[in-house]
PDB file of N, CA and C in Angstrom:
ATOM      1  N   MET A   1       9.961  -8.734 -20.034  1.00  0.00           N
ATOM      2  CA  MET A   1       8.699  -8.283 -19.976  1.00  0.00           C
ATOM      3  C   MET A   1       8.112  -7.253 -20.386  1.00  0.00           C
ATOM      4  N   PRO A   2       7.007  -6.850 -21.354  1.00  0.00           N
ATOM      5  CA  PRO A   2       6.812  -5.625 -21.607  1.00  0.00           C
ATOM      6  C   PRO A   2       6.107  -4.706 -20.801  1.00  0.00           C
ATOM      7  N   LEU A   3       6.240  -3.448 -20.903  1.00  0.00           N
ATOM      8  CA  LEU A   3       5.552  -2.912 -19.880  1.00  0.00           C
ATOM      9  C   LEU A   3       4.095  -2.901 -19.674  1.00  0.00           C
ATOM     10  N   ASP A   4       3.523  -3.012 -20.897  1.00  0.00           N
ATOM     11  CA  ASP A   4       1.896  -3.290 -21.153  1.00  0.00           C
ATOM     12  C   ASP A   4       1.504  -4.106 -20.462  1.00  0.00           C
ATOM     13  N   GLU A   5       2.412  -5.357 -20.404  1.00  0.00           N
ATOM     14  CA  GLU A   5       1.921  -6.460 -19.103  1.00  0.00           C
ATOM     15  C   GLU A   5       1.953  -6.460 -18.106  1.00  0.00           C
ATOM     16  N   ILE A   6       2.781  -5.613 -17.231  1.00  0.00           N
ATOM     17  CA  ILE A   6       3.352  -4.996 -15.857  1.00  0.00           C
ATOM     18  C   ILE A   6       2.064  -4.025 -15.704  1.00  0.00           C
ATOM     19  N   GLN A   7       1.772  -3.207 -16.156  1.00  0.00           N
ATOM     20  CA  GLN A   7       0.780  -1.916 -16.079  1.00  0.00           C
ATOM     21  C   GLN A   7      -0.395  -2.226 -16.678  1.00  0.00           C
ATOM     22  N   LYS A   8      -1.111  -3.431 -15.803  1.00  0.00           N
ATOM     23  CA  LYS A   8      -2.834  -3.474 -16.368  1.00  0.00           C
ATOM     24  C   LYS A   8      -3.703  -2.733 -15.625  1.00  0.00           C
ATOM     25  N   PRO A   9      -4.510  -2.173 -16.560  1.00  0.00           N
ATOM     26  CA  PRO A   9      -5.607  -1.208 -16.226  1.00  0.00           C
ATOM     27  C   PRO A   9      -6.438  -1.612 -15.136  1.00  0.00           C
ATOM     28  N   ASN A  10      -6.916  -0.949 -14.502  1.00  0.00           N
ATOM     29  CA  ASN A  10      -8.570  -1.374 -13.203  1.00  0.00           C
ATOM     30  C   ASN A  10      -9.051  -1.987 -13.887  1.00  0.00           C
ATOM     31  N   ILE A  11      -9.505  -2.937 -14.393  1.00  0.00           N
ATOM     32  CA  ILE A  11     -10.556  -3.568 -14.970  1.00  0.00           C
ATOM     33  C   ILE A  11     -11.367  -4.614 -13.808  1.00  0.00           C
ATOM     34  N   GLY A  12     -12.411  -4.561 -14.012  1.00  0.00           N
ATOM     35  CA  GLY A  12     -13.831  -5.074 -12.645  1.00  0.00           C
ATOM     36  C   GLY A  12     -14.140  -4.277 -12.015  1.00  0.00           C
ATOM     37  N   THR A  13     -14.756  -5.003 -10.937  1.00  0.00           N
ATOM     38  CA  THR A  13     -15.596  -4.675  -9.791  1.00  0.00           C
ATOM     39  C   THR A  13     -14.680  -4.930  -8.605  1.00  0.00           C
ATOM     40  N   PRO A  14     -14.393  -3.494  -7.775  1.00  0.00           N
ATOM     41  CA  PRO A  14     -13.722  -3.927  -6.589  1.00  0.00           C
ATOM     42  C   PRO A  14     -14.436  -4.915  -5.602  1.00  0.00           C
ATOM     43  N   GLU A  15     -13.597  -5.788  -4.769  1.00  0.00           N
ATOM     44  CA  GLU A  15     -14.149  -6.672  -3.600  1.00  0.00           C
ATOM     45  C   GLU A  15     -14.953  -6.185  -3.040  1.00  0.00           C
ATOM     46  N   PHE A  16     -15.047  -4.332  -2.420  1.00  0.00           N
ATOM     47  CA  PHE A  16     -16.030  -4.559  -1.465  1.00  0.00           C
ATOM     48  C   PHE A  16     -17.412  -4.189  -2.382  1.00  0.00           C
ATOM     49  N   ALA A  17     -17.576  -3.822  -3.666  1.00  0.00           N
ATOM     50  CA  ALA A  17     -18.633  -3.817  -4.338  1.00  0.00           C
ATOM     51  C   ALA A  17     -19.039  -5.335  -4.682  1.00  0.00           C
ATOM     52  N   THR A  18     -18.381  -6.320  -4.458  1.00  0.00           N
ATOM     53  CA  THR A  18     -18.958  -7.493  -4.972  1.00  0.00           C
ATOM     54  C   THR A  18     -19.296  -8.314  -3.459  1.00  0.00           C
ATOM     55  N   GLY A  19     -19.096  -7.591  -2.361  1.00  0.00           N
ATOM     56  CA  GLY A  19     -19.687  -8.481  -1.306  1.00  0.00           C
ATOM     57  C   GLY A  19     -18.770  -9.270  -0.265  1.00  0.00           C
ATOM     58  N   ARG A  20     -17.324  -9.047  -1.057  1.00  0.00           N
ATOM     59  CA  ARG A  20     -16.314  -9.981  -0.414  1.00  0.00           C
ATOM     60  C   ARG A  20     -15.869  -9.803   0.992  1.00  0.00           C
ATOM     61  N   THR A  21     -16.016  -8.204   1.096  1.00  0.00           N
ATOM     62  CA  THR A  21     -15.816  -7.441   2.205  1.00  0.00           C
ATOM     63  C   THR A  21     -16.307  -7.548   3.574  1.00  0.00           C
ATOM     64  N   THR A  22     -15.625  -8.541   4.300  1.00  0.00           N
ATOM     65  CA  THR A  22     -16.936  -8.882   5.582  1.00  0.00           C
ATOM     66  C   THR A  22     -16.296  -8.038   6.641  1.00  0.00           C
ATOM     67  N   ALA A  23     -17.283  -8.399   7.822  1.00  0.00           N
ATOM     68  CA  ALA A  23     -16.654  -7.920   9.435  1.00  0.00           C
ATOM     69  C   ALA A  23     -15.588  -8.620   9.443  1.00  0.00           C
ATOM     70  N   GLU A  24     -15.939 -10.112   9.134  1.00  0.00           N
ATOM     71  CA  GLU A  24     -14.489 -10.584   9.744  1.00  0.00           C
ATOM     72  C   GLU A  24     -13.006 -10.270   8.914  1.00  0.00           C
ATOM     73  N   ARG A  25     -13.281  -9.816   7.866  1.00  0.00           N
ATOM     74  CA  ARG A  25     -11.995  -9.551   7.052  1.00  0.00           C
ATOM     75  C   ARG A  25     -11.227  -8.359   7.381  1.00  0.00           C
ATOM     76  N   LYS A  26     -12.316  -7.622   8.108  1.00  0.00           N
ATOM     77  CA  LYS A  26     -12.019  -5.880   8.334  1.00  0.00           C
ATOM     78  C   LYS A  26     -11.323  -6.190   9.504  1.00  0.00           C
ATOM     79  N   MET A  27     -11.890  -7.119  10.460  1.00  0.00           N
ATOM     80  CA  MET A  27     -11.020  -7.335  12.026  1.00  0.00           C
ATOM     81  C   MET A  27     -10.150  -7.987  11.657  1.00  0.00           C
ATOM     82  N   TRP A  28      -9.642  -8.665  10.766  1.00  0.00           N
ATOM     83  CA  TRP A  28      -8.679  -9.239  10.855  1.00  0.00           C
ATOM     84  C   TRP A  28      -7.331  -8.319   9.956  1.00  0.00           C
ATOM     85  N   ALA A  29      -7.831  -7.715   8.955  1.00  0.00           N
ATOM     86  CA  ALA A  29      -7.016  -6.791   8.584  1.00  0.00           C
ATOM     87  C   ALA A  29      -6.280  -5.264  10.218  1.00  0.00           C
ATOM     88  N   ILE A  30      -7.498  -4.994  10.737  1.00  0.00           N
ATOM     89  CA  ILE A  30      -7.180  -4.574  11.997  1.00  0.00           C
ATOM     90  C   ILE A  30      -6.113  -5.088  12.555  1.00  0.00           C
ATOM     91  N   VAL A  31      -6.316  -6.089  12.999  1.00  0.00           N
ATOM     92  CA  VAL A  31      -5.362  -7.178  13.998  1.00  0.00           C
ATOM     93  C   VAL A  31      -4.058  -6.895  13.301  1.00  0.00           C
ATOM     94  N   THR A  32      -3.875  -7.205  11.815  1.00  0.00           N
ATOM     95  CA  THR A  32      -2.537  -7.179  10.999  1.00  0.00           C
ATOM     96  C   THR A  32      -1.882  -6.069  11.373  1.00  0.00           C
ATOM     97  N   THR A  33      -3.068  -5.115  11.012  1.00  0.00           N
ATOM     98  CA  THR A  33      -2.130  -3.491  11.251  1.00  0.00           C
ATOM     99  C   THR A  33      -1.432  -3.387  12.698  1.00  0.00           C
ATOM    100  N   VAL A  34      -2.355  -3.571  13.678  1.00  0.00           N
ATOM    101  CA  VAL A  34      -1.744  -3.628  15.077  1.00  0.00           C
ATOM    102  C   VAL A  34      -0.608  -4.245  15.344  1.00  0.00           C
ATOM    103  N   ALA A  35      -0.751  -5.484  15.129  1.00  0.00           N
ATOM    104  CA  ALA A  35       0.419  -6.530  15.185  1.00  0.00           C
ATOM    105  C   ALA A  35       1.554  -5.938  14.289  1.00  0.00           C
ATOM    106  N   PHE A  36       1.581  -5.535  13.348  1.00  0.00           N
ATOM    107  CA  PHE A  36       2.715  -5.223  12.536  1.00  0.00           C
ATOM    108  C   PHE A  36       3.241  -4.143  13.112  1.00  0.00           C
ATOM    109  N   ALA A  37       2.715  -3.065  13.743  1.00  0.00           N
ATOM    110  CA  ALA A  37       3.172  -1.805  14.075  1.00  0.00           C
ATOM    111  C   ALA A  37       3.715  -2.379  15.751  1.00  0.00           C
ATOM    112  N   ILE A  38       3.273  -3.177  16.380  1.00  0.00           N
ATOM    113  CA  ILE A  38       3.733  -3.766  17.612  1.00  0.00           C
ATOM    114  C   ILE A  38       5.113  -4.288  17.201  1.00  0.00           C
ATOM    115  N   PHE A  39       5.191  -5.309  16.091  1.00  0.00           N
ATOM    116  CA  PHE A  39       6.187  -5.995  15.930  1.00  0.00           C
ATOM    117  C   PHE A  39       7.237  -5.026  15.591  1.00  0.00           C
ATOM    118  N   TRP A  40       7.135  -3.509  14.398  1.00  0.00           N
ATOM    119  CA  TRP A  40       8.483  -2.823  14.478  1.00  0.00           C
ATOM    120  C   TRP A  40       8.521  -1.900  15.608  1.00  0.00           C
ATOM    121  N   PHE A  41       7.541  -1.702  16.482  1.00  0.00           N
ATOM    122  CA  PHE A  41       7.972  -1.020  17.474  1.00  0.00           C
ATOM    123  C   PHE A  41       9.063  -1.666  18.535  1.00  0.00           C
ATOM    124  N   SER A  42       8.660  -2.999  18.647  1.00  0.00           N
ATOM    125  CA  SER A  42       9.382  -3.782  19.877  1.00  0.00           C
ATOM    126  C   SER A  42      10.848  -3.786  19.228  1.00  0.00           C
ATOM    127  N   GLY A  43      10.696  -4.190  17.503  1.00  0.00           N
ATOM    128  CA  GLY A  43      11.938  -4.654  17.097  1.00  0.00           C
ATOM    129  C   GLY A  43      12.804  -3.349  17.033  1.00  0.00           C
ATOM    130  N   LEU A  44      12.512  -2.418  16.988  1.00  0.00           N
ATOM    131  CA  LEU A  44      13.292  -0.980  17.165  1.00  0.00           C
ATOM    132  C   LEU A  44      14.096  -0.876  18.658  1.00  0.00           C
ATOM    133  N   PHE A  45      13.328  -1.504  19.390  1.00  0.00           N
ATOM    134  CA  PHE A  45      13.746  -1.462  20.872  1.00  0.00           C
ATOM    135  C   PHE A  45      15.329  -2.951  20.970  1.00  0.00           C
ATOM    136  N   LEU A  46      14.757  -3.707  20.448  1.00  0.00           N
ATOM    137  CA  LEU A  46      15.360  -4.769  20.220  1.00  0.00           C
ATOM    138  C   LEU A  46      16.856  -4.398  19.691  1.00  0.00           C
ATOM    139  N   ALA A  47      16.930  -3.882  18.248  1.00  0.00           N
ATOM    140  CA  ALA A  47      17.652  -3.149  17.640  1.00  0.00           C
ATOM    141  C   ALA A  47      18.519  -2.382  18.491  1.00  0.00           C
ATOM    142  N   ALA A  48      18.160  -1.573  19.361  1.00  0.00           N
ATOM    143  CA  ALA A  48      18.805  -0.339  20.350  1.00  0.00           C
ATOM    144  C   ALA A  48      19.300  -1.459  21.264  1.00  0.00           C
ATOM    145  N   GLY A  49      18.712  -2.457  21.793  1.00  0.00           N
ATOM    146  CA  GLY A  49      19.548  -3.279  23.055  1.00  0.00           C
ATOM    147  C   GLY A  49      20.891  -3.983  22.121  1.00  0.00           C
ATOM    148  N   LEU A  50      20.637  -4.536  21.227  1.00  0.00           N
ATOM    149  CA  LEU A  50      21.740  -5.062  20.406  1.00  0.00           C
ATOM    150  C   LEU A  50      22.572  -4.294  19.926  1.00  0.00           C
ATOM    151  N   PHE A  51      22.385  -3.175  19.163  1.00  0.00           N
ATOM    152  CA  PHE A  51      23.682  -2.665  18.778  1.00  0.00           C
ATOM    153  C   PHE A  51      23.535  -0.884  19.371  1.00  0.00           C
ATOM    154  N   GLY A  52      22.926  -0.836  20.651  1.00  0.00           N
ATOM    155  CA  GLY A  52      23.480   0.511  21.193  1.00  0.00           C
ATOM    156  C   GLY A  52      23.598   0.253  22.663  1.00  0.00           C
ATOM    157  N   ASP A  53      23.788   1.075  23.242  1.00  0.00           N
ATOM    158  CA  ASP A  53      24.523   1.448  24.584  1.00  0.00           C
ATOM    159  C   ASP A  53      23.340   1.115  25.816  1.00  0.00           C
ATOM    160  N   GLN A  54      21.975   1.063  25.354  1.00  0.00           N
ATOM    161  CA  GLN A  54      21.001   0.713  26.010  1.00  0.00           C
ATOM    162  C   GLN A  54      20.800  -0.662  26.398  1.00  0.00           C
ATOM    163  N   PRO A  55      20.201  -0.978  27.719  1.00  0.00           N
ATOM    164  CA  PRO A  55      20.366  -2.442  28.333  1.00  0.00           C
ATOM    165  C   PRO A  55      19.086  -3.096  27.605  1.00  0.00           C
ATOM    166  N   MET A  56      19.115  -4.400  26.800  1.00  0.00           N
ATOM    167  CA  MET A  56      17.817  -4.880  26.258  1.00  0.00           C
ATOM    168  C   MET A  56      17.214  -5.578  27.284  1.00  0.00           C
ATOM    169  N   HIS A  57      15.973  -5.569  27.317  1.00  0.00           N
ATOM    170  CA  HIS A  57      14.679  -6.217  28.241  1.00  0.00           C
ATOM    171  C   HIS A  57      13.855  -7.354  27.424  1.00  0.00           C
ATOM    172  N   TRP A  58      13.568  -8.488  27.970  1.00  0.00           N
ATOM    173  CA  TRP A  58      13.418  -9.488  27.953  1.00  0.00           C
ATOM    174  C   TRP A  58      12.164  -9.123  26.631  1.00  0.00           C
ATOM    175  N   SER A  59      11.535  -8.123  27.075  1.00  0.00           N
ATOM    176  CA  SER A  59       9.860  -7.996  26.586  1.00  0.00           C
ATOM    177  C   SER A  59      10.238  -7.586  25.044  1.00  0.00           C
ATOM    178  N   ALA A  60      11.292  -7.187  24.739  1.00  0.00           N
ATOM    179  CA  ALA A  60      11.366  -6.558  23.490  1.00  0.00           C
ATOM    180  C   ALA A  60      11.601  -7.754  22.456  1.00  0.00           C
ATOM    181  N   LEU A  61      11.894  -8.572  22.963  1.00  0.00           N
ATOM    182  CA  LEU A  61      12.205 -10.128  22.000  1.00  0.00           C
ATOM    183  C   LEU A  61      11.089 -10.511  22.007  1.00  0.00           C
ATOM    184  N   VAL A  62      10.393 -10.791  23.124  1.00  0.00           N
ATOM    185  CA  VAL A  62       8.742 -11.663  22.878  1.00  0.00           C
ATOM    186  C   VAL A  62       7.927 -11.003  22.082  1.00  0.00           C
ATOM    187  N   LEU A  63       7.974  -9.497  22.708  1.00  0.00           N
ATOM    188  CA  LEU A  63       6.753  -8.672  21.762  1.00  0.00           C
ATOM    189  C   LEU A  63       7.212  -8.792  20.105  1.00  0.00           C
ATOM    190  N   ALA A  64       8.349  -8.500  19.956  1.00  0.00           N
ATOM    191  CA  ALA A  64       9.042  -8.978  18.430  1.00  0.00           C
ATOM    192  C   ALA A  64       8.330  -9.829  17.986  1.00  0.00           C
ATOM    193  N   ALA A  65       8.732 -11.502  18.671  1.00  0.00           N
ATOM    194  CA  ALA A  65       8.282 -12.386  17.705  1.00  0.00           C
ATOM    195  C   ALA A  65       6.602 -12.978  18.002  1.00  0.00           C
ATOM    196  N   LEU A  66       6.279 -12.586  18.862  1.00  0.00           N
ATOM    197  CA  LEU A  66       4.779 -12.989  19.319  1.00  0.00           C
ATOM    198  C   LEU A  66       3.980 -11.904  18.048  1.00  0.00           C
ATOM    199  N   GLY A  67       4.514 -10.549  17.713  1.00  0.00           N
ATOM    200  CA  GLY A  67       3.729  -9.226  16.968  1.00  0.00           C
ATOM    201  C   GLY A  67       4.071 -10.276  15.533  1.00  0.00           C
ATOM    202  N   LEU A  68       5.111 -10.733  15.295  1.00  0.00           N
ATOM    203  CA  LEU A  68       5.208 -10.881  13.705  1.00  0.00           C
ATOM    204  C   LEU A  68       4.834 -12.638  13.721  1.00  0.00           C
ATOM    205  N   ALA A  69       4.324 -13.325  14.572  1.00  0.00           N
ATOM    206  CA  ALA A  69       3.558 -14.632  14.518  1.00  0.00           C
ATOM    207  C   ALA A  69       2.031 -14.100  14.435  1.00  0.00           C
ATOM    208  N   VAL A  70       1.736 -13.191  14.899  1.00  0.00           N
ATOM    209  CA  VAL A  70       0.218 -12.637  14.834  1.00  0.00           C
ATOM    210  C   VAL A  70       0.023 -11.895  13.833  1.00  0.00           C
ATOM    211  N   VAL A  71       1.251 -11.440  13.333  1.00  0.00           N
ATOM    212  CA  VAL A  71       0.746 -10.611  11.791  1.00  0.00           C
ATOM    213  C   VAL A  71       0.733 -12.083  10.879  1.00  0.00           C
ATOM    214  N   LEU A  72       1.820 -12.907  10.845  1.00  0.00           N
ATOM    215  CA  LEU A  72       1.597 -13.614   9.956  1.00  0.00           C
ATOM    216  C   LEU A  72       0.116 -14.772   9.665  1.00  0.00           C
ATOM    217  N   PHE A  73      -0.155 -14.978  11.098  1.00  0.00           N
ATOM    218  CA  PHE A  73      -1.709 -15.353  11.099  1.00  0.00           C
ATOM    219  C   PHE A  73      -2.629 -14.438  10.594  1.00  0.00           C
ATOM    220  N   ALA A  74      -2.935 -13.433  10.838  1.00  0.00           N
ATOM    221  CA  ALA A  74      -3.875 -12.594  10.698  1.00  0.00           C
ATOM    222  C   ALA A  74      -3.639 -12.293   9.238  1.00  0.00           C
ATOM    223  N   ARG A  75      -2.615 -12.114   8.738  1.00  0.00           N
ATOM    224  CA  ARG A  75      -2.639 -11.878   6.777  1.00  0.00           C
ATOM    225  C   ARG A  75      -3.003 -13.003   6.245  1.00  0.00           C
ATOM    226  N   ARG A  76      -2.995 -14.107   6.651  1.00  0.00           N
ATOM    227  CA  ARG A  76      -3.475 -15.399   5.978  1.00  0.00           C
ATOM    228  C   ARG A  76      -4.902 -15.501   6.128  1.00  0.00           C
ATOM    229  N   LYS A  77      -5.274 -14.662   7.358  1.00  0.00           N
ATOM    230  CA  LYS A  77      -7.085 -14.864   7.409  1.00  0.00           C
ATOM    231  C   LYS A  77      -7.541 -13.902   6.692  1.00  0.00           C
ATOM    232  N   VAL A  78      -6.806 -12.498   6.540  1.00  0.00           N
ATOM    233  CA  VAL A  78      -7.555 -11.722   5.549  1.00  0.00           C
ATOM    234  C   VAL A  78      -7.234 -11.972   3.862  1.00  0.00           C
ATOM    235  N   ASP A  79      -6.779 -12.856   3.703  1.00  0.00           N
ATOM    236  CA  ASP A  79      -6.491 -13.301   2.390  1.00  0.00           C
ATOM    237  C   ASP A  79      -6.987 -14.861   2.297  1.00  0.00           C
ATOM    238  N   ALA A  80      -7.512 -15.487   2.902  1.00  0.00           N
ATOM    239  CA  ALA A  80      -8.474 -16.589   2.785  1.00  0.00           C
ATOM    240  C   ALA A  80      -9.804 -16.011   1.694  1.00  0.00           C
ATOM    241  N   ASP A  81     -10.210 -17.418   1.277  1.00  0.00           N
ATOM    242  CA  ASP A  81     -11.290 -16.985   0.326  1.00  0.00           C
ATOM    243  C   ASP A  81     -11.082 -17.561  -0.928  1.00  0.00           C
TER     244      ASP A  81
END
């Protein structure tokens, strides 16, 4: 694949200028960001419990799974339309 096809210039109008950015999409973007942070934060505690000397608490597994589920759902809501 030629480099010119990969590096396409910014042509067109951005989404916010065409009115596609709504309050609902902004809210779902914030939910996605917060859930992603919860997923990684609890995932680090989960990894520390599995591979480290610290005892693992059940909440790390639950928060990691819940965070991942919310991220996947919210990301689909942001991309809808």
